[in-house]
Amino acid sequence: MAIYAYNNPYNNMGQILTTMIPFGIFAGKTFDGIYEAPEVTRKSGGGVTVSQPDGEEQLMEITEANDVIITSTLTNFSIDFIAALQTVADFDNRNVRIIAYQEDFDSARLRERVLLASLPMMHKFRRNAFKAKRKNRIAGIEKAAAEGKYKGRKSLSPADFPEFGNLFNSYMMREIGKGEFAEKLGVSRPTLDKLLDDFTKKKGK
């Protein structure tokens, strides 16, 4: 069993873990490795840059069954609670234990097992909320078409969403997950993927 620390020095909501494990059942032991979230910086004129390497991705690659990852707060994984839980679930599927001090969270405990088991329900609730929003939008389009006010749907682009740039920055900084990104725009996940592809291609030119 190896014990790793995961820090996000760019998230001021949690303390930085150093060589010695400060709290809990592993207090006094030494971390086998310390990994950090990538630095995400905003560019002048909009957009973000992301430094490498990404500690979370590295941990996904090196951790094995029965390893432990300790972090000061779950928000080090994502500001979006469901996205953070999904990351924990991804590690849990590989039998990697996650401990977060600030939330008194331990993925090996019964209450956290129940919380992780409810994650599909949380995703379903978010999807249903999106479907209801889309249904209302379709009803509005049908009403406008019946009144002769709807001229047809054009192909969407990021430029059609004034808030796209700010939401993209929040997404890159892990403040929101992709599901919430799509929900805030009122589009489906496949449509968001097309918008993101278009946006990143234009940024790369």
N, C-alpha and C. Protein backbone atom coordinates (compact mmCIF):
# COMPACT_ATOMS: atom_id res chain seq x y z
N MET A 1 0.84 -1.21 0.00
CA MET A 1 0.00 0.00 0.00
C MET A 1 0.87 1.25 0.00
N ALA A 2 0.59 2.15 -0.92
CA ALA A 2 1.30 3.42 -0.97
C ALA A 2 0.33 4.54 -0.61
N ILE A 3 0.85 5.60 0.01
CA ILE A 3 0.03 6.75 0.41
C ILE A 3 0.55 7.99 -0.30
N TYR A 4 -0.34 8.66 -1.04
CA TYR A 4 0.05 9.83 -1.82
C TYR A 4 -0.73 11.06 -1.35
N ALA A 5 -0.10 12.22 -1.50
CA ALA A 5 -0.77 13.49 -1.23
C ALA A 5 -1.16 14.12 -2.56
N TYR A 6 -2.33 14.75 -2.58
CA TYR A 6 -2.75 15.48 -3.78
C TYR A 6 -3.06 16.92 -3.37
N ASN A 7 -2.26 17.84 -3.86
CA ASN A 7 -2.41 19.26 -3.53
C ASN A 7 -2.90 20.04 -4.73
N ASN A 8 -3.62 21.10 -4.44
CA ASN A 8 -3.95 22.09 -5.46
C ASN A 8 -3.51 23.44 -4.92
N PRO A 9 -2.26 23.85 -5.19
CA PRO A 9 -1.75 25.10 -4.63
C PRO A 9 -2.46 26.33 -5.17
N TYR A 10 -3.31 26.14 -6.20
CA TYR A 10 -4.02 27.27 -6.82
C TYR A 10 -5.45 27.37 -6.28
N ASN A 11 -5.80 26.47 -5.35
CA ASN A 11 -7.11 26.49 -4.72
C ASN A 11 -6.90 26.88 -3.26
N ASN A 12 -7.29 28.10 -2.89
CA ASN A 12 -7.01 28.60 -1.54
C ASN A 12 -7.98 28.06 -0.50
N MET A 13 -8.78 27.05 -0.88
CA MET A 13 -9.76 26.48 0.06
C MET A 13 -9.14 25.37 0.92
N GLY A 14 -7.94 24.94 0.60
CA GLY A 14 -7.34 23.84 1.35
C GLY A 14 -5.87 24.07 1.64
N GLN A 15 -5.38 23.46 2.71
CA GLN A 15 -3.97 23.61 3.06
C GLN A 15 -3.10 22.75 2.15
N ILE A 16 -1.82 23.08 2.10
CA ILE A 16 -0.87 22.31 1.31
C ILE A 16 -0.28 21.21 2.19
N LEU A 17 -0.37 19.99 1.72
CA LEU A 17 0.18 18.86 2.46
C LEU A 17 1.65 18.69 2.09
N THR A 18 2.47 18.48 3.11
CA THR A 18 3.90 18.32 2.88
C THR A 18 4.32 16.89 3.24
N THR A 19 5.59 16.70 3.54
CA THR A 19 6.15 15.35 3.68
C THR A 19 5.41 14.46 4.67
N MET A 20 5.09 15.00 5.85
CA MET A 20 4.48 14.19 6.91
C MET A 20 2.96 14.27 6.86
N ILE A 21 2.29 13.14 7.06
CA ILE A 21 0.82 13.11 7.09
C ILE A 21 0.36 13.71 8.42
N PRO A 22 -0.42 14.81 8.39
CA PRO A 22 -0.72 15.55 9.62
C PRO A 22 -1.83 14.99 10.49
N PHE A 23 -2.86 14.38 9.87
CA PHE A 23 -4.04 14.00 10.64
C PHE A 23 -4.45 12.56 10.34
N GLY A 24 -5.44 12.11 11.10
CA GLY A 24 -6.13 10.86 10.79
C GLY A 24 -5.36 9.60 11.13
N ILE A 25 -5.85 8.49 10.61
CA ILE A 25 -5.31 7.19 10.98
C ILE A 25 -3.88 6.97 10.48
N PHE A 26 -3.46 7.78 9.49
CA PHE A 26 -2.09 7.63 8.97
C PHE A 26 -1.16 8.73 9.50
N ALA A 27 -1.61 9.48 10.51
CA ALA A 27 -0.82 10.59 11.04
C ALA A 27 0.57 10.12 11.46
N GLY A 28 1.57 10.91 11.08
CA GLY A 28 2.94 10.61 11.45
C GLY A 28 3.70 9.84 10.40
N LYS A 29 2.97 9.22 9.46
CA LYS A 29 3.64 8.50 8.39
C LYS A 29 4.09 9.48 7.30
N THR A 30 4.97 9.02 6.44
CA THR A 30 5.49 9.86 5.36
C THR A 30 4.81 9.51 4.05
N PHE A 31 4.45 10.53 3.29
CA PHE A 31 3.84 10.29 1.98
C PHE A 31 4.84 9.60 1.06
N ASP A 32 4.34 8.69 0.23
CA ASP A 32 5.18 8.03 -0.77
C ASP A 32 5.36 8.91 -2.00
N GLY A 33 4.55 9.92 -2.11
CA GLY A 33 4.67 10.85 -3.22
C GLY A 33 3.69 11.99 -3.04
N ILE A 34 4.06 13.17 -3.55
CA ILE A 34 3.20 14.35 -3.46
C ILE A 34 2.97 14.86 -4.88
N TYR A 35 1.69 14.99 -5.24
CA TYR A 35 1.34 15.39 -6.60
C TYR A 35 0.46 16.64 -6.53
N GLU A 36 0.53 17.44 -7.60
CA GLU A 36 -0.20 18.71 -7.62
C GLU A 36 -1.08 18.82 -8.85
N ALA A 37 -2.16 19.57 -8.67
CA ALA A 37 -3.00 19.92 -9.81
C ALA A 37 -2.21 20.86 -10.72
N PRO A 38 -2.52 20.86 -12.01
CA PRO A 38 -1.81 21.76 -12.92
C PRO A 38 -2.21 23.21 -12.67
N GLU A 39 -1.30 24.11 -12.95
CA GLU A 39 -1.62 25.53 -12.81
C GLU A 39 -2.45 25.97 -14.01
N VAL A 40 -3.54 26.63 -13.72
CA VAL A 40 -4.41 27.16 -14.77
C VAL A 40 -4.38 28.68 -14.66
N THR A 41 -3.93 29.34 -15.70
CA THR A 41 -3.82 30.80 -15.67
C THR A 41 -4.66 31.41 -16.78
N ARG A 42 -5.21 32.55 -16.49
CA ARG A 42 -6.03 33.25 -17.48
C ARG A 42 -5.13 34.11 -18.37
N LYS A 43 -5.41 34.06 -19.67
CA LYS A 43 -4.66 34.88 -20.62
C LYS A 43 -5.32 36.26 -20.73
N SER A 44 -4.52 37.24 -21.06
CA SER A 44 -5.10 38.55 -21.34
C SER A 44 -5.93 38.42 -22.61
N GLY A 45 -7.09 38.99 -22.61
CA GLY A 45 -7.97 38.90 -23.78
C GLY A 45 -8.84 37.65 -23.75
N GLY A 46 -8.78 36.87 -22.67
CA GLY A 46 -9.63 35.68 -22.55
C GLY A 46 -8.86 34.40 -22.78
N GLY A 47 -9.47 33.30 -22.38
CA GLY A 47 -8.83 32.00 -22.53
C GLY A 47 -7.97 31.65 -21.34
N VAL A 48 -7.52 30.41 -21.31
CA VAL A 48 -6.69 29.95 -20.21
C VAL A 48 -5.55 29.11 -20.75
N THR A 49 -4.51 28.98 -19.96
CA THR A 49 -3.44 28.04 -20.26
C THR A 49 -3.32 27.08 -19.08
N VAL A 50 -3.02 25.84 -19.38
CA VAL A 50 -2.93 24.80 -18.36
C VAL A 50 -1.52 24.23 -18.37
N SER A 51 -0.85 24.29 -17.23
CA SER A 51 0.50 23.75 -17.14
C SER A 51 0.45 22.23 -17.00
N GLN A 52 1.51 21.59 -17.33
CA GLN A 52 1.65 20.15 -17.17
C GLN A 52 2.84 19.88 -16.25
N PRO A 53 2.92 18.76 -15.57
CA PRO A 53 1.97 17.66 -15.67
C PRO A 53 0.77 17.84 -14.75
N ASP A 54 -0.25 17.03 -14.99
CA ASP A 54 -1.45 17.03 -14.17
C ASP A 54 -1.32 15.92 -13.14
N GLY A 55 -1.22 16.32 -11.85
CA GLY A 55 -1.04 15.34 -10.79
C GLY A 55 -2.14 14.31 -10.71
N GLU A 56 -3.38 14.74 -10.99
CA GLU A 56 -4.51 13.80 -10.94
C GLU A 56 -4.34 12.70 -11.98
N GLU A 57 -3.94 13.09 -13.19
CA GLU A 57 -3.72 12.10 -14.25
C GLU A 57 -2.56 11.18 -13.89
N GLN A 58 -1.51 11.74 -13.30
CA GLN A 58 -0.38 10.92 -12.89
C GLN A 58 -0.80 9.89 -11.85
N LEU A 59 -1.64 10.32 -10.89
CA LEU A 59 -2.10 9.41 -9.85
C LEU A 59 -2.97 8.30 -10.45
N MET A 60 -3.76 8.64 -11.44
CA MET A 60 -4.58 7.64 -12.12
C MET A 60 -3.68 6.56 -12.74
N GLU A 61 -2.51 6.97 -13.20
CA GLU A 61 -1.61 6.04 -13.88
C GLU A 61 -0.83 5.17 -12.89
N ILE A 62 -0.40 5.75 -11.75
CA ILE A 62 0.53 5.02 -10.88
C ILE A 62 -0.13 4.28 -9.73
N THR A 63 -1.34 4.71 -9.31
CA THR A 63 -1.96 4.07 -8.15
C THR A 63 -2.41 2.66 -8.46
N GLU A 64 -2.34 1.83 -7.44
CA GLU A 64 -2.78 0.44 -7.55
C GLU A 64 -3.81 0.15 -6.46
N ALA A 65 -4.42 -1.01 -6.54
CA ALA A 65 -5.43 -1.40 -5.55
C ALA A 65 -4.86 -1.30 -4.14
N ASN A 66 -5.68 -0.74 -3.24
CA ASN A 66 -5.36 -0.56 -1.81
C ASN A 66 -4.46 0.65 -1.53
N ASP A 67 -4.07 1.40 -2.56
CA ASP A 67 -3.34 2.64 -2.33
C ASP A 67 -4.29 3.68 -1.75
N VAL A 68 -3.71 4.74 -1.16
CA VAL A 68 -4.50 5.80 -0.52
C VAL A 68 -4.05 7.15 -1.07
N ILE A 69 -5.01 8.00 -1.37
CA ILE A 69 -4.73 9.38 -1.76
C ILE A 69 -5.34 10.29 -0.70
N ILE A 70 -4.51 11.16 -0.12
CA ILE A 70 -4.98 12.09 0.90
C ILE A 70 -4.91 13.51 0.34
N THR A 71 -6.00 14.24 0.50
CA THR A 71 -6.06 15.63 0.05
C THR A 71 -6.71 16.47 1.14
N SER A 72 -6.45 17.75 1.15
CA SER A 72 -7.01 18.59 2.21
C SER A 72 -8.50 18.83 2.02
N THR A 73 -8.96 18.86 0.76
CA THR A 73 -10.37 19.11 0.48
C THR A 73 -10.76 18.49 -0.85
N LEU A 74 -12.00 18.04 -0.96
CA LEU A 74 -12.49 17.46 -2.21
C LEU A 74 -12.48 18.47 -3.35
N THR A 75 -12.56 19.76 -3.01
CA THR A 75 -12.57 20.78 -4.07
C THR A 75 -11.23 20.87 -4.79
N ASN A 76 -10.21 20.17 -4.27
CA ASN A 76 -8.96 20.09 -5.02
C ASN A 76 -9.14 19.33 -6.32
N PHE A 77 -10.15 18.44 -6.35
CA PHE A 77 -10.46 17.70 -7.57
C PHE A 77 -11.33 18.52 -8.50
N SER A 78 -12.30 19.20 -7.93
CA SER A 78 -13.19 20.05 -8.73
C SER A 78 -14.04 20.90 -7.79
N ILE A 79 -14.32 22.14 -8.21
CA ILE A 79 -15.22 22.99 -7.44
C ILE A 79 -16.65 22.45 -7.52
N ASP A 80 -16.96 21.80 -8.64
CA ASP A 80 -18.27 21.19 -8.82
C ASP A 80 -18.35 19.90 -8.01
N PHE A 81 -19.30 19.82 -7.07
CA PHE A 81 -19.36 18.70 -6.13
C PHE A 81 -19.53 17.36 -6.83
N ILE A 82 -20.45 17.31 -7.80
CA ILE A 82 -20.69 16.05 -8.50
C ILE A 82 -19.46 15.63 -9.29
N ALA A 83 -18.78 16.60 -9.91
CA ALA A 83 -17.56 16.28 -10.67
C ALA A 83 -16.47 15.76 -9.72
N ALA A 84 -16.37 16.36 -8.53
CA ALA A 84 -15.38 15.89 -7.55
C ALA A 84 -15.71 14.46 -7.11
N LEU A 85 -16.99 14.20 -6.85
CA LEU A 85 -17.39 12.85 -6.45
C LEU A 85 -17.13 11.85 -7.57
N GLN A 86 -17.31 12.28 -8.81
CA GLN A 86 -17.07 11.37 -9.93
C GLN A 86 -15.59 10.98 -10.00
N THR A 87 -14.71 11.94 -9.71
CA THR A 87 -13.28 11.64 -9.67
C THR A 87 -12.98 10.61 -8.57
N VAL A 88 -13.60 10.83 -7.39
CA VAL A 88 -13.44 9.87 -6.28
C VAL A 88 -13.93 8.49 -6.72
N ALA A 89 -15.09 8.46 -7.41
CA ALA A 89 -15.66 7.18 -7.87
C ALA A 89 -14.72 6.50 -8.87
N ASP A 90 -14.09 7.29 -9.73
CA ASP A 90 -13.16 6.72 -10.71
C ASP A 90 -11.98 6.04 -10.01
N PHE A 91 -11.47 6.70 -8.96
CA PHE A 91 -10.40 6.06 -8.18
C PHE A 91 -10.94 4.85 -7.42
N ASP A 92 -12.15 5.00 -6.87
CA ASP A 92 -12.73 3.92 -6.09
C ASP A 92 -12.94 2.66 -6.92
N ASN A 93 -13.27 2.85 -8.19
CA ASN A 93 -13.44 1.70 -9.09
C ASN A 93 -12.14 0.91 -9.25
N ARG A 94 -11.03 1.56 -8.92
CA ARG A 94 -9.73 0.89 -8.98
C ARG A 94 -9.25 0.50 -7.59
N ASN A 95 -10.19 0.56 -6.62
CA ASN A 95 -9.89 0.21 -5.21
C ASN A 95 -8.81 1.12 -4.61
N VAL A 96 -8.85 2.39 -5.00
CA VAL A 96 -7.96 3.40 -4.43
C VAL A 96 -8.78 4.24 -3.47
N ARG A 97 -8.31 4.37 -2.24
CA ARG A 97 -9.04 5.07 -1.18
C ARG A 97 -8.74 6.56 -1.21
N ILE A 98 -9.77 7.38 -1.05
CA ILE A 98 -9.62 8.84 -1.04
C ILE A 98 -10.01 9.37 0.35
N ILE A 99 -9.12 10.16 0.94
CA ILE A 99 -9.40 10.81 2.22
C ILE A 99 -9.25 12.31 2.04
N ALA A 100 -10.28 13.06 2.45
CA ALA A 100 -10.24 14.53 2.39
C ALA A 100 -10.52 15.07 3.78
N TYR A 101 -9.58 15.83 4.35
CA TYR A 101 -9.68 16.28 5.73
C TYR A 101 -10.81 17.27 5.96
N GLN A 102 -10.92 18.27 5.10
CA GLN A 102 -11.86 19.36 5.35
C GLN A 102 -13.30 18.87 5.43
N GLU A 103 -13.66 17.91 4.57
CA GLU A 103 -15.02 17.38 4.56
C GLU A 103 -15.17 16.15 5.46
N ASP A 104 -14.08 15.75 6.15
CA ASP A 104 -14.09 14.52 6.93
C ASP A 104 -14.60 13.38 6.06
N PHE A 105 -13.99 13.26 4.89
CA PHE A 105 -14.43 12.30 3.89
C PHE A 105 -13.43 11.15 3.80
N ASP A 106 -13.93 9.93 3.82
CA ASP A 106 -13.09 8.74 3.67
C ASP A 106 -13.89 7.74 2.84
N SER A 107 -13.45 7.49 1.62
CA SER A 107 -14.23 6.66 0.70
C SER A 107 -14.36 5.22 1.17
N ALA A 108 -13.61 4.83 2.22
CA ALA A 108 -13.72 3.46 2.74
C ALA A 108 -14.83 3.32 3.77
N ARG A 109 -15.41 4.46 4.24
CA ARG A 109 -16.44 4.40 5.28
C ARG A 109 -17.82 4.17 4.67
N LEU A 110 -18.73 3.66 5.51
CA LEU A 110 -20.07 3.32 5.04
C LEU A 110 -20.81 4.53 4.49
N ARG A 111 -20.78 5.67 5.20
CA ARG A 111 -21.57 6.82 4.76
C ARG A 111 -21.08 7.32 3.40
N GLU A 112 -19.77 7.27 3.16
CA GLU A 112 -19.23 7.69 1.87
C GLU A 112 -19.56 6.66 0.79
N ARG A 113 -19.62 5.36 1.19
CA ARG A 113 -20.02 4.33 0.22
C ARG A 113 -21.45 4.60 -0.26
N VAL A 114 -22.32 5.00 0.67
CA VAL A 114 -23.70 5.32 0.32
C VAL A 114 -23.73 6.53 -0.61
N LEU A 115 -22.92 7.55 -0.28
CA LEU A 115 -22.88 8.76 -1.11
C LEU A 115 -22.42 8.43 -2.53
N LEU A 116 -21.38 7.63 -2.64
CA LEU A 116 -20.87 7.25 -3.97
C LEU A 116 -21.89 6.41 -4.73
N ALA A 117 -22.62 5.57 -3.98
CA ALA A 117 -23.65 4.75 -4.62
C ALA A 117 -24.79 5.61 -5.18
N SER A 118 -24.98 6.81 -4.60
CA SER A 118 -26.05 7.70 -5.06
C SER A 118 -25.62 8.58 -6.23
N LEU A 119 -24.37 8.46 -6.64
CA LEU A 119 -23.86 9.31 -7.72
C LEU A 119 -24.65 9.15 -9.02
N PRO A 120 -25.00 7.93 -9.43
CA PRO A 120 -25.84 7.80 -10.64
C PRO A 120 -27.16 8.56 -10.53
N MET A 121 -27.75 8.58 -9.32
CA MET A 121 -29.00 9.31 -9.11
C MET A 121 -28.77 10.81 -9.28
N MET A 122 -27.60 11.31 -8.79
CA MET A 122 -27.29 12.73 -8.96
C MET A 122 -27.15 13.08 -10.44
N HIS A 123 -26.47 12.20 -11.18
CA HIS A 123 -26.32 12.44 -12.62
C HIS A 123 -27.69 12.41 -13.30
N LYS A 124 -28.56 11.48 -12.88
CA LYS A 124 -29.89 11.38 -13.46
C LYS A 124 -30.70 12.64 -13.18
N PHE A 125 -30.61 13.16 -11.95
CA PHE A 125 -31.32 14.39 -11.59
C PHE A 125 -30.86 15.54 -12.49
N ARG A 126 -29.55 15.63 -12.71
CA ARG A 126 -29.02 16.70 -13.55
C ARG A 126 -29.49 16.53 -15.00
N ARG A 127 -29.49 15.28 -15.48
CA ARG A 127 -29.96 15.03 -16.85
C ARG A 127 -31.44 15.37 -16.99
N ASN A 128 -32.24 14.99 -15.98
CA ASN A 128 -33.68 15.28 -16.05
C ASN A 128 -33.94 16.78 -16.05
N ALA A 129 -33.14 17.52 -15.27
CA ALA A 129 -33.29 18.98 -15.25
C ALA A 129 -32.97 19.55 -16.62
N PHE A 130 -31.94 19.00 -17.27
CA PHE A 130 -31.58 19.46 -18.62
C PHE A 130 -32.68 19.12 -19.62
N LYS A 131 -33.23 17.88 -19.51
CA LYS A 131 -34.28 17.46 -20.44
C LYS A 131 -35.51 18.34 -20.30
N ALA A 132 -35.85 18.71 -19.05
CA ALA A 132 -37.01 19.58 -18.83
C ALA A 132 -36.78 20.95 -19.46
N LYS A 133 -35.56 21.44 -19.33
CA LYS A 133 -35.22 22.73 -19.92
C LYS A 133 -35.29 22.66 -21.44
N ARG A 134 -34.78 21.55 -21.99
CA ARG A 134 -34.82 21.40 -23.46
C ARG A 134 -36.25 21.24 -23.96
N LYS A 135 -37.08 20.51 -23.16
CA LYS A 135 -38.48 20.32 -23.55
C LYS A 135 -39.20 21.67 -23.61
N ASN A 136 -38.94 22.53 -22.64
CA ASN A 136 -39.56 23.86 -22.63
C ASN A 136 -39.08 24.68 -23.82
N ARG A 137 -37.81 24.52 -24.17
CA ARG A 137 -37.29 25.26 -25.32
C ARG A 137 -37.95 24.79 -26.61
N ILE A 138 -38.12 23.47 -26.76
CA ILE A 138 -38.76 22.92 -27.96
C ILE A 138 -40.20 23.39 -28.05
N ALA A 139 -40.88 23.41 -26.90
CA ALA A 139 -42.27 23.87 -26.88
C ALA A 139 -42.34 25.33 -27.34
N GLY A 140 -41.37 26.11 -26.91
CA GLY A 140 -41.33 27.52 -27.34
C GLY A 140 -41.09 27.65 -28.82
N ILE A 141 -40.22 26.80 -29.37
CA ILE A 141 -39.94 26.82 -30.81
C ILE A 141 -41.19 26.43 -31.61
N GLU A 142 -41.87 25.38 -31.13
CA GLU A 142 -43.08 24.93 -31.82
C GLU A 142 -44.16 26.00 -31.81
N LYS A 143 -44.27 26.70 -30.69
CA LYS A 143 -45.25 27.78 -30.62
C LYS A 143 -44.90 28.91 -31.57
N ALA A 144 -43.61 29.24 -31.61
CA ALA A 144 -43.16 30.31 -32.52
C ALA A 144 -43.36 29.91 -33.97
N ALA A 145 -43.13 28.62 -34.29
CA ALA A 145 -43.31 28.13 -35.66
C ALA A 145 -44.78 28.20 -36.06
N ALA A 146 -45.66 27.84 -35.11
CA ALA A 146 -47.10 27.89 -35.39
C ALA A 146 -47.57 29.31 -35.65
N GLU A 147 -46.90 30.28 -35.03
CA GLU A 147 -47.26 31.69 -35.21
C GLU A 147 -46.49 32.33 -36.36
N GLY A 148 -45.68 31.51 -37.04
CA GLY A 148 -44.92 32.02 -38.19
C GLY A 148 -43.72 32.86 -37.80
N LYS A 149 -43.26 32.76 -36.55
CA LYS A 149 -42.15 33.58 -36.09
C LYS A 149 -40.80 32.84 -36.11
N TYR A 150 -40.87 31.51 -36.29
CA TYR A 150 -39.63 30.72 -36.24
C TYR A 150 -39.12 30.46 -37.66
N LYS A 151 -37.91 30.84 -37.94
CA LYS A 151 -37.34 30.76 -39.29
C LYS A 151 -36.40 29.55 -39.47
N GLY A 152 -36.38 28.64 -38.50
CA GLY A 152 -35.49 27.49 -38.64
C GLY A 152 -34.26 27.64 -37.77
N ARG A 153 -33.64 26.50 -37.50
CA ARG A 153 -32.49 26.48 -36.59
C ARG A 153 -31.18 26.52 -37.37
N LYS A 154 -30.33 27.43 -37.01
CA LYS A 154 -29.02 27.50 -37.65
C LYS A 154 -28.02 26.66 -36.86
N SER A 155 -26.91 26.36 -37.51
CA SER A 155 -25.85 25.62 -36.84
C SER A 155 -25.25 26.48 -35.73
N LEU A 156 -25.13 25.92 -34.55
CA LEU A 156 -24.64 26.68 -33.41
C LEU A 156 -23.13 26.82 -33.43
N SER A 157 -22.65 27.93 -32.91
CA SER A 157 -21.21 28.16 -32.74
C SER A 157 -21.01 28.83 -31.39
N PRO A 158 -19.78 28.78 -30.85
CA PRO A 158 -19.53 29.44 -29.56
C PRO A 158 -19.94 30.90 -29.54
N ALA A 159 -19.87 31.56 -30.70
CA ALA A 159 -20.21 32.98 -30.79
C ALA A 159 -21.69 33.23 -30.47
N ASP A 160 -22.51 32.17 -30.56
CA ASP A 160 -23.94 32.33 -30.26
C ASP A 160 -24.21 32.40 -28.76
N PHE A 161 -23.17 32.16 -27.96
CA PHE A 161 -23.33 32.15 -26.51
C PHE A 161 -22.37 33.17 -25.88
N PRO A 162 -22.86 34.34 -25.52
CA PRO A 162 -21.99 35.38 -24.94
C PRO A 162 -21.22 34.90 -23.70
N GLU A 163 -21.81 33.94 -22.98
CA GLU A 163 -21.19 33.47 -21.76
C GLU A 163 -20.22 32.31 -22.00
N PHE A 164 -20.04 31.91 -23.26
CA PHE A 164 -19.24 30.70 -23.54
C PHE A 164 -17.80 30.83 -23.04
N GLY A 165 -17.18 31.97 -23.28
CA GLY A 165 -15.79 32.16 -22.89
C GLY A 165 -15.58 32.02 -21.40
N ASN A 166 -16.45 32.66 -20.62
CA ASN A 166 -16.33 32.59 -19.16
C ASN A 166 -16.59 31.17 -18.65
N LEU A 167 -17.59 30.51 -19.25
CA LEU A 167 -17.88 29.13 -18.83
C LEU A 167 -16.74 28.20 -19.22
N PHE A 168 -16.13 28.45 -20.37
CA PHE A 168 -14.99 27.64 -20.80
C PHE A 168 -13.84 27.78 -19.81
N ASN A 169 -13.58 29.00 -19.37
CA ASN A 169 -12.52 29.22 -18.38
C ASN A 169 -12.83 28.48 -17.08
N SER A 170 -14.10 28.55 -16.64
CA SER A 170 -14.49 27.86 -15.41
C SER A 170 -14.35 26.35 -15.57
N TYR A 171 -14.68 25.85 -16.77
CA TYR A 171 -14.55 24.42 -17.05
C TYR A 171 -13.08 23.99 -17.01
N MET A 172 -12.21 24.79 -17.61
CA MET A 172 -10.79 24.46 -17.64
C MET A 172 -10.17 24.55 -16.25
N MET A 173 -10.71 25.41 -15.41
CA MET A 173 -10.20 25.55 -14.04
C MET A 173 -10.90 24.59 -13.07
N ARG A 174 -11.73 23.69 -13.64
CA ARG A 174 -12.43 22.67 -12.86
C ARG A 174 -13.40 23.25 -11.85
N GLU A 175 -13.92 24.42 -12.14
CA GLU A 175 -14.94 25.01 -11.28
C GLU A 175 -16.31 24.43 -11.61
N ILE A 176 -16.48 23.97 -12.86
CA ILE A 176 -17.71 23.29 -13.28
C ILE A 176 -17.32 22.07 -14.10
N GLY A 177 -18.19 21.07 -14.10
CA GLY A 177 -17.98 19.89 -14.93
C GLY A 177 -18.62 20.07 -16.29
N LYS A 178 -18.40 19.11 -17.18
CA LYS A 178 -18.94 19.21 -18.53
C LYS A 178 -20.46 19.18 -18.53
N GLY A 179 -21.06 18.38 -17.61
CA GLY A 179 -22.51 18.32 -17.54
C GLY A 179 -23.11 19.67 -17.18
N GLU A 180 -22.51 20.35 -16.20
CA GLU A 180 -23.00 21.67 -15.79
C GLU A 180 -22.75 22.70 -16.89
N PHE A 181 -21.62 22.56 -17.60
CA PHE A 181 -21.30 23.46 -18.72
C PHE A 181 -22.43 23.38 -19.75
N ALA A 182 -22.78 22.14 -20.15
CA ALA A 182 -23.85 21.96 -21.14
C ALA A 182 -25.18 22.48 -20.62
N GLU A 183 -25.44 22.22 -19.34
CA GLU A 183 -26.71 22.66 -18.74
C GLU A 183 -26.84 24.17 -18.74
N LYS A 184 -25.76 24.87 -18.41
CA LYS A 184 -25.81 26.33 -18.37
C LYS A 184 -26.02 26.93 -19.77
N LEU A 185 -25.51 26.22 -20.80
CA LEU A 185 -25.71 26.69 -22.17
C LEU A 185 -27.06 26.27 -22.72
N GLY A 186 -27.66 25.24 -22.08
CA GLY A 186 -28.93 24.72 -22.58
C GLY A 186 -28.77 23.86 -23.80
N VAL A 187 -27.65 23.14 -23.89
CA VAL A 187 -27.39 22.27 -25.04
C VAL A 187 -27.09 20.86 -24.54
N SER A 188 -27.07 19.90 -25.45
CA SER A 188 -26.74 18.53 -25.10
C SER A 188 -25.23 18.36 -24.99
N ARG A 189 -24.79 17.25 -24.40
CA ARG A 189 -23.35 16.98 -24.30
C ARG A 189 -22.71 16.85 -25.69
N PRO A 190 -23.33 16.13 -26.65
CA PRO A 190 -22.73 16.06 -27.99
C PRO A 190 -22.59 17.43 -28.65
N THR A 191 -23.60 18.30 -28.44
CA THR A 191 -23.51 19.65 -29.00
C THR A 191 -22.39 20.42 -28.34
N LEU A 192 -22.24 20.28 -27.02
CA LEU A 192 -21.16 20.96 -26.31
C LEU A 192 -19.80 20.47 -26.83
N ASP A 193 -19.68 19.17 -27.08
CA ASP A 193 -18.42 18.64 -27.61
C ASP A 193 -18.07 19.31 -28.95
N LYS A 194 -19.07 19.51 -29.80
CA LYS A 194 -18.85 20.17 -31.09
C LYS A 194 -18.45 21.63 -30.89
N LEU A 195 -19.11 22.29 -29.94
CA LEU A 195 -18.79 23.68 -29.65
C LEU A 195 -17.37 23.81 -29.10
N LEU A 196 -16.98 22.89 -28.21
CA LEU A 196 -15.64 22.91 -27.64
C LEU A 196 -14.59 22.67 -28.72
N ASP A 197 -14.89 21.73 -29.61
CA ASP A 197 -13.96 21.43 -30.70
C ASP A 197 -13.78 22.66 -31.60
N ASP A 198 -14.89 23.32 -31.92
CA ASP A 198 -14.84 24.53 -32.74
C ASP A 198 -14.08 25.64 -32.03
N PHE A 199 -14.34 25.79 -30.74
CA PHE A 199 -13.72 26.87 -29.96
C PHE A 199 -12.20 26.67 -29.85
N THR A 200 -11.78 25.43 -29.55
CA THR A 200 -10.34 25.17 -29.39
C THR A 200 -9.60 25.27 -30.72
N LYS A 201 -10.26 24.88 -31.82
CA LYS A 201 -9.63 25.00 -33.13
C LYS A 201 -9.40 26.47 -33.49
N LYS A 202 -10.39 27.30 -33.19
CA LYS A 202 -10.25 28.73 -33.49
C LYS A 202 -9.19 29.38 -32.61
N LYS A 203 -9.10 28.91 -31.33
CA LYS A 203 -8.08 29.46 -30.42
C LYS A 203 -6.69 29.06 -30.85
N GLY A 204 -6.60 27.89 -31.53
CA GLY A 204 -5.29 27.40 -31.94
C GLY A 204 -4.77 28.05 -33.20
N LYS A 205 -5.62 28.77 -33.90
CA LYS A 205 -5.19 29.43 -35.16
C LYS A 205 -4.41 30.71 -34.87
